[in-house]
C-alpha atoms as a PDB file:
ATOM      1  CA  MET A   1      71.343  19.925   7.845  1.00  0.00           C
ATOM      2  CA  THR A   2      69.236  16.930   6.832  1.00  0.00           C
ATOM      3  CA  ALA A   3      72.299  14.667   6.752  1.00  0.00           C
ATOM      4  CA  SER A   4      73.307  15.808  10.242  1.00  0.00           C
ATOM      5  CA  VAL A   5      69.875  15.060  11.688  1.00  0.00           C
ATOM      6  CA  SER A   6      69.734  11.659   9.996  1.00  0.00           C
ATOM      7  CA  SER A   7      73.194  10.723  11.320  1.00  0.00           C
ATOM      8  CA  GLN A   8      72.121  11.677  14.848  1.00  0.00           C
ATOM      9  CA  ARG A   9      69.057   9.507  14.561  1.00  0.00           C
ATOM     10  CA  LYS A  10      71.130   6.543  13.419  1.00  0.00           C
ATOM     11  CA  SER A  11      73.453   6.876  16.409  1.00  0.00           C
ATOM     12  CA  LYS A  12      70.555   6.638  18.831  1.00  0.00           C
ATOM     13  CA  SER A  13      68.781   3.578  20.121  1.00  0.00           C
ATOM     14  CA  PRO A  14      65.465   3.143  18.290  1.00  0.00           C
ATOM     15  CA  ARG A  15      63.643   2.373  21.531  1.00  0.00           C
ATOM     16  CA  PHE A  16      65.144   4.610  24.200  1.00  0.00           C
ATOM     17  CA  GLY A  17      66.755   7.356  22.104  1.00  0.00           C
ATOM     18  CA  TYR A  18      70.180   7.530  23.794  1.00  0.00           C
ATOM     19  CA  LYS A  19      73.555   7.809  22.094  1.00  0.00           C
ATOM     20  CA  ILE A  20      76.377   5.365  22.702  1.00  0.00           C
ATOM     21  CA  ASN A  21      79.233   7.694  23.681  1.00  0.00           C
ATOM     22  CA  LEU A  22      82.920   7.101  24.248  1.00  0.00           C
ATOM     23  CA  VAL A  23      82.844   7.573  28.023  1.00  0.00           C
ATOM     24  CA  GLY A  24      80.059   5.048  28.434  1.00  0.00           C
ATOM     25  CA  THR A  25      81.850   2.536  26.227  1.00  0.00           C
ATOM     26  CA  VAL A  26      85.133   2.873  28.146  1.00  0.00           C
ATOM     27  CA  SER A  27      83.305   2.564  31.473  1.00  0.00           C
ATOM     28  CA  PHE A  28      81.512  -0.545  30.270  1.00  0.00           C
ATOM     29  CA  LEU A  29      84.803  -2.113  29.162  1.00  0.00           C
ATOM     30  CA  ILE A  30      86.372  -1.426  32.569  1.00  0.00           C
ATOM     31  CA  ILE A  31      83.420  -3.046  34.334  1.00  0.00           C
ATOM     32  CA  LEU A  32      83.536  -5.976  31.917  1.00  0.00           C
ATOM     33  CA  GLY A  33      87.254  -6.401  32.589  1.00  0.00           C
ATOM     34  CA  TRP A  34      86.721  -6.583  36.351  1.00  0.00           C
ATOM     35  CA  ALA A  35      83.846  -9.010  35.826  1.00  0.00           C
ATOM     36  CA  LEU A  36      86.141 -11.296  33.826  1.00  0.00           C
ATOM     37  CA  VAL A  37      88.795 -11.027  36.544  1.00  0.00           C
ATOM     38  CA  ALA A  38      86.189 -12.027  39.132  1.00  0.00           C
ATOM     39  CA  ILE A  39      85.016 -14.996  37.053  1.00  0.00           C
ATOM     40  CA  PHE A  40      88.490 -16.346  36.275  1.00  0.00           C
ATOM     41  CA  ALA A  41      90.141 -15.389  39.585  1.00  0.00           C
ATOM     42  CA  HIS A  42      91.077 -18.988  40.361  1.00  0.00           C
ATOM     43  CA  TRP A  43      93.224 -19.183  37.217  1.00  0.00           C
ATOM     44  CA  ILE A  44      94.570 -15.618  37.242  1.00  0.00           C
ATOM     45  CA  ALA A  45      95.686 -15.257  40.874  1.00  0.00           C
ATOM     46  CA  PRO A  46      99.291 -16.398  41.456  1.00  0.00           C
ATOM     47  CA  HIS A  47      98.598 -17.610  45.032  1.00  0.00           C
ATOM     48  CA  PRO A  48      95.598 -18.846  47.061  1.00  0.00           C
ATOM     49  CA  VAL A  49      93.748 -16.045  48.784  1.00  0.00           C
ATOM     50  CA  GLY A  50      94.687 -16.943  52.377  1.00  0.00           C
ATOM     51  CA  GLU A  51      98.152 -18.394  51.842  1.00  0.00           C
ATOM     52  CA  ILE A  52     100.992 -16.752  53.774  1.00  0.00           C
ATOM     53  CA  VAL A  53     103.675 -16.452  51.139  1.00  0.00           C
ATOM     54  CA  ASP A  54     106.205 -14.268  52.954  1.00  0.00           C
ATOM     55  CA  PHE A  55     106.968 -13.711  56.624  1.00  0.00           C
ATOM     56  CA  ASP A  56     108.227 -10.224  55.823  1.00  0.00           C
ATOM     57  CA  PHE A  57     105.023  -8.430  56.808  1.00  0.00           C
ATOM     58  CA  PHE A  58     104.146  -5.435  54.650  1.00  0.00           C
ATOM     59  CA  GLY A  59     106.755  -6.634  52.186  1.00  0.00           C
ATOM     60  CA  PRO A  60     107.697  -4.281  49.332  1.00  0.00           C
ATOM     61  CA  MET A  61     106.781  -4.744  45.699  1.00  0.00           C
ATOM     62  CA  SER A  62     108.995  -7.194  43.843  1.00  0.00           C
ATOM     63  CA  ALA A  63     109.032  -9.428  40.783  1.00  0.00           C
ATOM     64  CA  GLN A  64     107.618 -12.295  42.847  1.00  0.00           C
ATOM     65  CA  TYR A  65     105.003 -10.155  44.608  1.00  0.00           C
ATOM     66  CA  PRO A  66     104.082  -7.273  42.243  1.00  0.00           C
ATOM     67  CA  LEU A  67     101.985  -5.449  44.849  1.00  0.00           C
ATOM     68  CA  GLY A  68     103.864  -6.595  47.931  1.00  0.00           C
ATOM     69  CA  THR A  69     102.399  -8.412  50.931  1.00  0.00           C
ATOM     70  CA  ASP A  70      99.945  -7.371  53.629  1.00  0.00           C
ATOM     71  CA  TYR A  71     100.218  -7.337  57.436  1.00  0.00           C
ATOM     72  CA  LEU A  72      99.969 -11.143  57.546  1.00  0.00           C
ATOM     73  CA  GLY A  73     102.390 -11.826  54.712  1.00  0.00           C
ATOM     74  CA  ARG A  74      99.734 -12.633  52.089  1.00  0.00           C
ATOM     75  CA  ASP A  75     100.146 -11.677  48.448  1.00  0.00           C
ATOM     76  CA  MET A  76      98.262  -8.442  47.796  1.00  0.00           C
ATOM     77  CA  LEU A  77      97.723  -9.071  44.081  1.00  0.00           C
ATOM     78  CA  SER A  78      96.053 -12.419  44.762  1.00  0.00           C
ATOM     79  CA  ARG A  79      93.844 -10.892  47.440  1.00  0.00           C
ATOM     80  CA  ILE A  80      92.743  -8.089  45.118  1.00  0.00           C
ATOM     81  CA  ILE A  81      91.898 -10.569  42.358  1.00  0.00           C
ATOM     82  CA  TYR A  82      89.946 -12.860  44.683  1.00  0.00           C
ATOM     83  CA  GLY A  83      88.390  -9.835  46.366  1.00  0.00           C
ATOM     84  CA  ALA A  84      86.977  -8.774  43.013  1.00  0.00           C
ATOM     85  CA  ARG A  85      85.064 -12.052  42.845  1.00  0.00           C
ATOM     86  CA  PHE A  86      83.589 -11.566  46.303  1.00  0.00           C
ATOM     87  CA  THR A  87      82.902  -7.845  46.118  1.00  0.00           C
ATOM     88  CA  VAL A  88      81.748  -7.538  42.515  1.00  0.00           C
ATOM     89  CA  GLY A  89      79.639 -10.696  42.653  1.00  0.00           C
ATOM     90  CA  ILE A  90      77.755  -9.894  45.846  1.00  0.00           C
ATOM     91  CA  SER A  91      77.397  -6.197  45.041  1.00  0.00           C
ATOM     92  CA  LEU A  92      76.129  -6.835  41.523  1.00  0.00           C
ATOM     93  CA  ALA A  93      73.587  -9.420  42.663  1.00  0.00           C
ATOM     94  CA  ALA A  94      72.379  -7.146  45.476  1.00  0.00           C
ATOM     95  CA  VAL A  95      72.068  -4.019  43.329  1.00  0.00           C
ATOM     96  CA  VAL A  96      70.217  -5.939  40.600  1.00  0.00           C
ATOM     97  CA  LEU A  97      67.663  -7.166  43.144  1.00  0.00           C
ATOM     98  CA  ALA A  98      67.377  -3.767  44.846  1.00  0.00           C
ATOM     99  CA  CYS A  99      66.907  -1.821  41.615  1.00  0.00           C
ATOM    100  CA  PHE A 100      64.581  -4.398  40.075  1.00  0.00           C
ATOM    101  CA  PHE A 101      62.164  -4.418  42.998  1.00  0.00           C
ATOM    102  CA  GLY A 102      62.623  -0.725  43.806  1.00  0.00           C
ATOM    103  CA  VAL A 103      62.074   0.513  40.247  1.00  0.00           C
ATOM    104  CA  THR A 104      59.186  -1.891  39.628  1.00  0.00           C
ATOM    105  CA  LEU A 105      57.407  -0.922  42.843  1.00  0.00           C
ATOM    106  CA  GLY A 106      58.146   2.773  42.281  1.00  0.00           C
ATOM    107  CA  MET A 107      56.629   2.821  38.792  1.00  0.00           C
ATOM    108  CA  THR A 108      53.664   0.745  39.958  1.00  0.00           C
ATOM    109  CA  ALA A 109      52.994   3.088  42.885  1.00  0.00           C
ATOM    110  CA  ALA A 110      53.214   6.135  40.611  1.00  0.00           C
ATOM    111  CA  VAL A 111      50.724   4.669  38.130  1.00  0.00           C
ATOM    112  CA  ILE A 112      48.233   3.248  40.645  1.00  0.00           C
ATOM    113  CA  GLY A 113      48.495   6.000  43.265  1.00  0.00           C
ATOM    114  CA  GLY A 114      45.952   6.216  46.075  1.00  0.00           C
ATOM    115  CA  TRP A 115      46.165   3.990  49.124  1.00  0.00           C
ATOM    116  CA  PHE A 116      48.632   1.612  47.482  1.00  0.00           C
ATOM    117  CA  ASP A 117      51.136   4.403  46.930  1.00  0.00           C
ATOM    118  CA  SER A 118      50.681   5.807  50.445  1.00  0.00           C
ATOM    119  CA  ALA A 119      50.944   2.472  52.254  1.00  0.00           C
ATOM    120  CA  LEU A 120      53.979   1.290  50.305  1.00  0.00           C
ATOM    121  CA  SER A 121      55.753   4.638  50.656  1.00  0.00           C
ATOM    122  CA  ARG A 122      55.213   4.792  54.420  1.00  0.00           C
ATOM    123  CA  PHE A 123      56.464   1.227  54.886  1.00  0.00           C
ATOM    124  CA  LEU A 124      59.634   1.825  52.891  1.00  0.00           C
ATOM    125  CA  ASP A 125      60.184   5.200  54.584  1.00  0.00           C
ATOM    126  CA  ALA A 126      60.121   3.404  57.938  1.00  0.00           C
ATOM    127  CA  LEU A 127      62.683   0.928  56.619  1.00  0.00           C
ATOM    128  CA  THR A 128      64.858   3.805  55.392  1.00  0.00           C
ATOM    129  CA  SER A 129      64.884   5.382  58.868  1.00  0.00           C
ATOM    130  CA  ILE A 130      66.960   2.461  60.204  1.00  0.00           C
ATOM    131  CA  PRO A 131      70.721   3.102  59.770  1.00  0.00           C
ATOM    132  CA  SER A 132      72.013   0.806  57.052  1.00  0.00           C
ATOM    133  CA  LYS A 133      75.120  -0.446  58.866  1.00  0.00           C
ATOM    134  CA  ILE A 134      73.216  -1.193  62.058  1.00  0.00           C
ATOM    135  CA  LEU A 135      70.523  -3.060  60.122  1.00  0.00           C
ATOM    136  CA  ALA A 136      73.146  -5.072  58.234  1.00  0.00           C
ATOM    137  CA  LEU A 137      75.023  -5.991  61.421  1.00  0.00           C
ATOM    138  CA  VAL A 138      71.810  -7.029  63.198  1.00  0.00           C
ATOM    139  CA  ILE A 139      70.702  -9.269  60.318  1.00  0.00           C
ATOM    140  CA  VAL A 140      74.136 -10.840  59.875  1.00  0.00           C
ATOM    141  CA  ALA A 141      74.523 -11.404  63.626  1.00  0.00           C
ATOM    142  CA  GLY A 142      71.083 -12.995  63.826  1.00  0.00           C
ATOM    143  CA  VAL A 143      71.031 -15.314  60.801  1.00  0.00           C
ATOM    144  CA  GLY A 144      74.685 -15.599  59.737  1.00  0.00           C
ATOM    145  CA  SER A 145      76.912 -14.119  57.067  1.00  0.00           C
ATOM    146  CA  SER A 146      76.521 -16.521  54.159  1.00  0.00           C
ATOM    147  CA  ILE A 147      76.577 -15.116  50.644  1.00  0.00           C
ATOM    148  CA  PRO A 148      72.774 -15.398  50.071  1.00  0.00           C
ATOM    149  CA  ILE A 149      72.147 -13.617  53.380  1.00  0.00           C
ATOM    150  CA  LEU A 150      74.553 -10.824  52.443  1.00  0.00           C
ATOM    151  CA  VAL A 151      72.919 -10.397  49.029  1.00  0.00           C
ATOM    152  CA  ILE A 152      69.406 -10.271  50.485  1.00  0.00           C
ATOM    153  CA  THR A 153      70.507  -7.916  53.279  1.00  0.00           C
ATOM    154  CA  MET A 154      72.108  -5.449  50.871  1.00  0.00           C
ATOM    155  CA  ALA A 155      69.069  -5.644  48.584  1.00  0.00           C
ATOM    156  CA  VAL A 156      66.673  -4.921  51.459  1.00  0.00           C
ATOM    157  CA  ILE A 157      68.766  -1.952  52.606  1.00  0.00           C
ATOM    158  CA  TYR A 158      68.932  -0.272  49.180  1.00  0.00           C
ATOM    159  CA  THR A 159      65.481  -1.112  47.792  1.00  0.00           C
ATOM    160  CA  PRO A 160      63.730   1.854  49.533  1.00  0.00           C
ATOM    161  CA  GLY A 161      66.122   4.395  48.015  1.00  0.00           C
ATOM    162  CA  SER A 162      65.716   2.921  44.552  1.00  0.00           C
ATOM    163  CA  TYR A 163      61.933   2.935  45.051  1.00  0.00           C
ATOM    164  CA  ARG A 164      61.796   6.607  46.013  1.00  0.00           C
ATOM    165  CA  PHE A 165      64.052   7.609  43.121  1.00  0.00           C
ATOM    166  CA  ALA A 166      62.044   5.674  40.526  1.00  0.00           C
ATOM    167  CA  ARG A 167      58.722   6.825  41.975  1.00  0.00           C
ATOM    168  CA  ALA A 168      59.729  10.505  41.771  1.00  0.00           C
ATOM    169  CA  LEU A 169      60.727  10.091  38.123  1.00  0.00           C
ATOM    170  CA  ALA A 170      57.652   8.053  37.254  1.00  0.00           C
ATOM    171  CA  ILE A 171      55.268  10.597  38.801  1.00  0.00           C
ATOM    172  CA  ASN A 172      56.632  13.278  36.481  1.00  0.00           C
ATOM    173  CA  ILE A 173      56.310  11.015  33.437  1.00  0.00           C
ATOM    174  CA  ASN A 174      52.833   9.923  34.523  1.00  0.00           C
ATOM    175  CA  THR A 175      51.520  13.473  34.031  1.00  0.00           C
ATOM    176  CA  MET A 176      52.663  13.675  30.409  1.00  0.00           C
ATOM    177  CA  ASP A 177      50.076  13.908  27.639  1.00  0.00           C
ATOM    178  CA  TYR A 178      51.110  10.704  25.886  1.00  0.00           C
ATOM    179  CA  VAL A 179      50.602   8.729  29.105  1.00  0.00           C
ATOM    180  CA  THR A 180      47.174  10.324  29.525  1.00  0.00           C
ATOM    181  CA  VAL A 181      46.293   9.355  25.961  1.00  0.00           C
ATOM    182  CA  ALA A 182      47.447   5.774  26.551  1.00  0.00           C
ATOM    183  CA  ARG A 183      45.371   5.618  29.712  1.00  0.00           C
ATOM    184  CA  ALA A 184      42.342   6.983  27.822  1.00  0.00           C
ATOM    185  CA  ARG A 185      42.801   4.232  25.213  1.00  0.00           C
ATOM    186  CA  GLY A 186      42.253   1.729  27.980  1.00  0.00           C
ATOM    187  CA  GLU A 187      45.815   0.464  28.223  1.00  0.00           C
ATOM    188  CA  LYS A 188      46.556  -1.658  31.275  1.00  0.00           C
ATOM    189  CA  ILE A 189      49.019  -0.862  34.044  1.00  0.00           C
ATOM    190  CA  GLY A 190      51.624  -3.264  32.696  1.00  0.00           C
ATOM    191  CA  TYR A 191      51.623  -1.575  29.303  1.00  0.00           C
ATOM    192  CA  LEU A 192      51.851   1.906  30.825  1.00  0.00           C
ATOM    193  CA  ILE A 193      54.837   0.896  32.949  1.00  0.00           C
ATOM    194  CA  ARG A 194      56.667  -1.039  30.246  1.00  0.00           C
ATOM    195  CA  SER A 195      56.024   1.082  27.158  1.00  0.00           C
ATOM    196  CA  GLU A 196      55.297   4.607  28.386  1.00  0.00           C
ATOM    197  CA  ILE A 197      57.082   5.237  31.690  1.00  0.00           C
ATOM    198  CA  LEU A 198      60.153   2.980  31.670  1.00  0.00           C
ATOM    199  CA  PRO A 199      61.664   4.396  28.431  1.00  0.00           C
ATOM    200  CA  GLY A 200      61.441   7.893  29.919  1.00  0.00           C
ATOM    201  CA  ILE A 201      63.309   7.082  33.137  1.00  0.00           C
ATOM    202  CA  ILE A 202      65.795   4.423  32.008  1.00  0.00           C
ATOM    203  CA  GLY A 203      68.739   6.856  31.810  1.00  0.00           C
ATOM    204  CA  PRO A 204      68.544   8.205  35.389  1.00  0.00           C
ATOM    205  CA  VAL A 205      67.724   4.710  36.655  1.00  0.00           C
ATOM    206  CA  LEU A 206      70.924   3.305  35.133  1.00  0.00           C
ATOM    207  CA  ALA A 207      72.925   6.146  36.698  1.00  0.00           C
ATOM    208  CA  ASP A 208      71.322   5.396  40.059  1.00  0.00           C
ATOM    209  CA  PHE A 209      72.137   1.704  39.507  1.00  0.00           C
ATOM    210  CA  GLY A 210      75.832   2.548  39.239  1.00  0.00           C
ATOM    211  CA  LEU A 211      75.812   4.735  42.345  1.00  0.00           C
ATOM    212  CA  ARG A 212      74.071   2.100  44.448  1.00  0.00           C
ATOM    213  CA  PHE A 213      76.579  -0.484  43.258  1.00  0.00           C
ATOM    214  CA  VAL A 214      79.366   1.718  44.653  1.00  0.00           C
ATOM    215  CA  PHE A 215      77.492   2.216  47.938  1.00  0.00           C
ATOM    216  CA  ILE A 216      77.073  -1.547  48.378  1.00  0.00           C
ATOM    217  CA  VAL A 217      80.774  -2.098  47.674  1.00  0.00           C
ATOM    218  CA  LEU A 218      81.652   0.430  50.395  1.00  0.00           C
ATOM    219  CA  LEU A 219      79.245  -1.165  52.878  1.00  0.00           C
ATOM    220  CA  LEU A 220      80.645  -4.636  52.211  1.00  0.00           C
ATOM    221  CA  SER A 221      84.199  -3.327  52.545  1.00  0.00           C
ATOM    222  CA  SER A 222      83.494  -1.765  55.934  1.00  0.00           C
ATOM    223  CA  LYS A 223      81.975  -5.010  57.196  1.00  0.00           C
ATOM    224  CA  HIS A 224      84.874  -7.092  55.872  1.00  0.00           C
ATOM    225  CA  ARG A 225      87.433  -4.741  57.413  1.00  0.00           C
ATOM    226  CA  ARG A 226      85.695  -4.887  60.785  1.00  0.00           C
ATOM    227  CA  CYS A 227      85.735  -8.702  60.741  1.00  0.00           C
ATOM    228  CA  GLU A 228      89.399  -8.868  59.758  1.00  0.00           C
ATOM    229  CA  THR A 229      90.607  -6.530  62.502  1.00  0.00           C
ATOM    230  CA  GLU A 230      89.013  -8.751  65.154  1.00  0.00           C
ATOM    231  CA  TYR A 231      91.346 -11.680  64.512  1.00  0.00           C
ATOM    232  CA  SER A 232      94.259 -10.303  62.496  1.00  0.00           C
ATOM    233  CA  TYR A 233      96.555  -9.523  65.422  1.00  0.00           C
ATOM    234  CA  ALA A 234      95.877 -12.825  67.160  1.00  0.00           C
ATOM    235  CA  PHE A 235      96.496 -14.696  63.929  1.00  0.00           C
ATOM    236  CA  ARG A 236      99.730 -12.826  63.330  1.00  0.00           C
ATOM    237  CA  ALA A 237     100.966 -13.587  66.855  1.00  0.00           C
ATOM    238  CA  GLU A 238     100.164 -17.273  66.394  1.00  0.00           C
ATOM    239  CA  THR A 239     102.029 -17.319  63.078  1.00  0.00           C
ATOM    240  CA  LEU A 240     105.109 -15.702  64.600  1.00  0.00           C
ATOM    241  CA  LYS A 241     105.046 -18.225  67.443  1.00  0.00           C
ATOM    242  CA  LYS A 242     105.004 -21.132  64.977  1.00  0.00           C
ATOM    243  CA  THR A 243     107.887 -19.724  62.943  1.00  0.00           C
ATOM    244  CA  ARG A 244     110.062 -19.333  66.038  1.00  0.00           C
ATOM    245  CA  HIS A 245     109.521 -22.960  66.968  1.00  0.00           C
END
């Protein structure tokens, strides 16, 4: 019995107390693999991202084109590899910013409470009431669609949700006896957030981080698809006209 308990303690992190399980390890390796693909896309992809390699639109899979070609005759494998760089990079940067500011503000509001909590919550609730796709389209139409603008836009859209999630968790932790004791010792807000509250909510926060990453990927994909459909048919007609001449 003693050996079993000691082995469980060794398998846990000394700070946060969570096991490293097989599912988490495999998931991390998959994410790491896609991150490496995104970083080295220029050397891995067999063709440039926009190059028309075959005029047989929607071409089948072959040795030359393992995943076939799309409706414009572009290599699908190359587009997936380059798309990983765009999608993973922007989504990861946006979700890091959103969760950093959302979790930090949520824990701070839970610890301070009072007017600060009420004012910040009402402001972010008002921001949440705006549909995310409409807000993203308005911002992009007004100031452009550069990568920094996309990252900031996605971060602004998903910060309120991260804030509310972290605040709800932090309020529960804030009522615990050990937090009350730390407050009675005269510990400052920074210490309470960093050493007392954050270790208790890190697991759910990481799970929420992964979900928001997926949501941002879906939002970016819908925007990219909308932009492509606006010029794809005209571009295809122009390409066919050139090939006939």
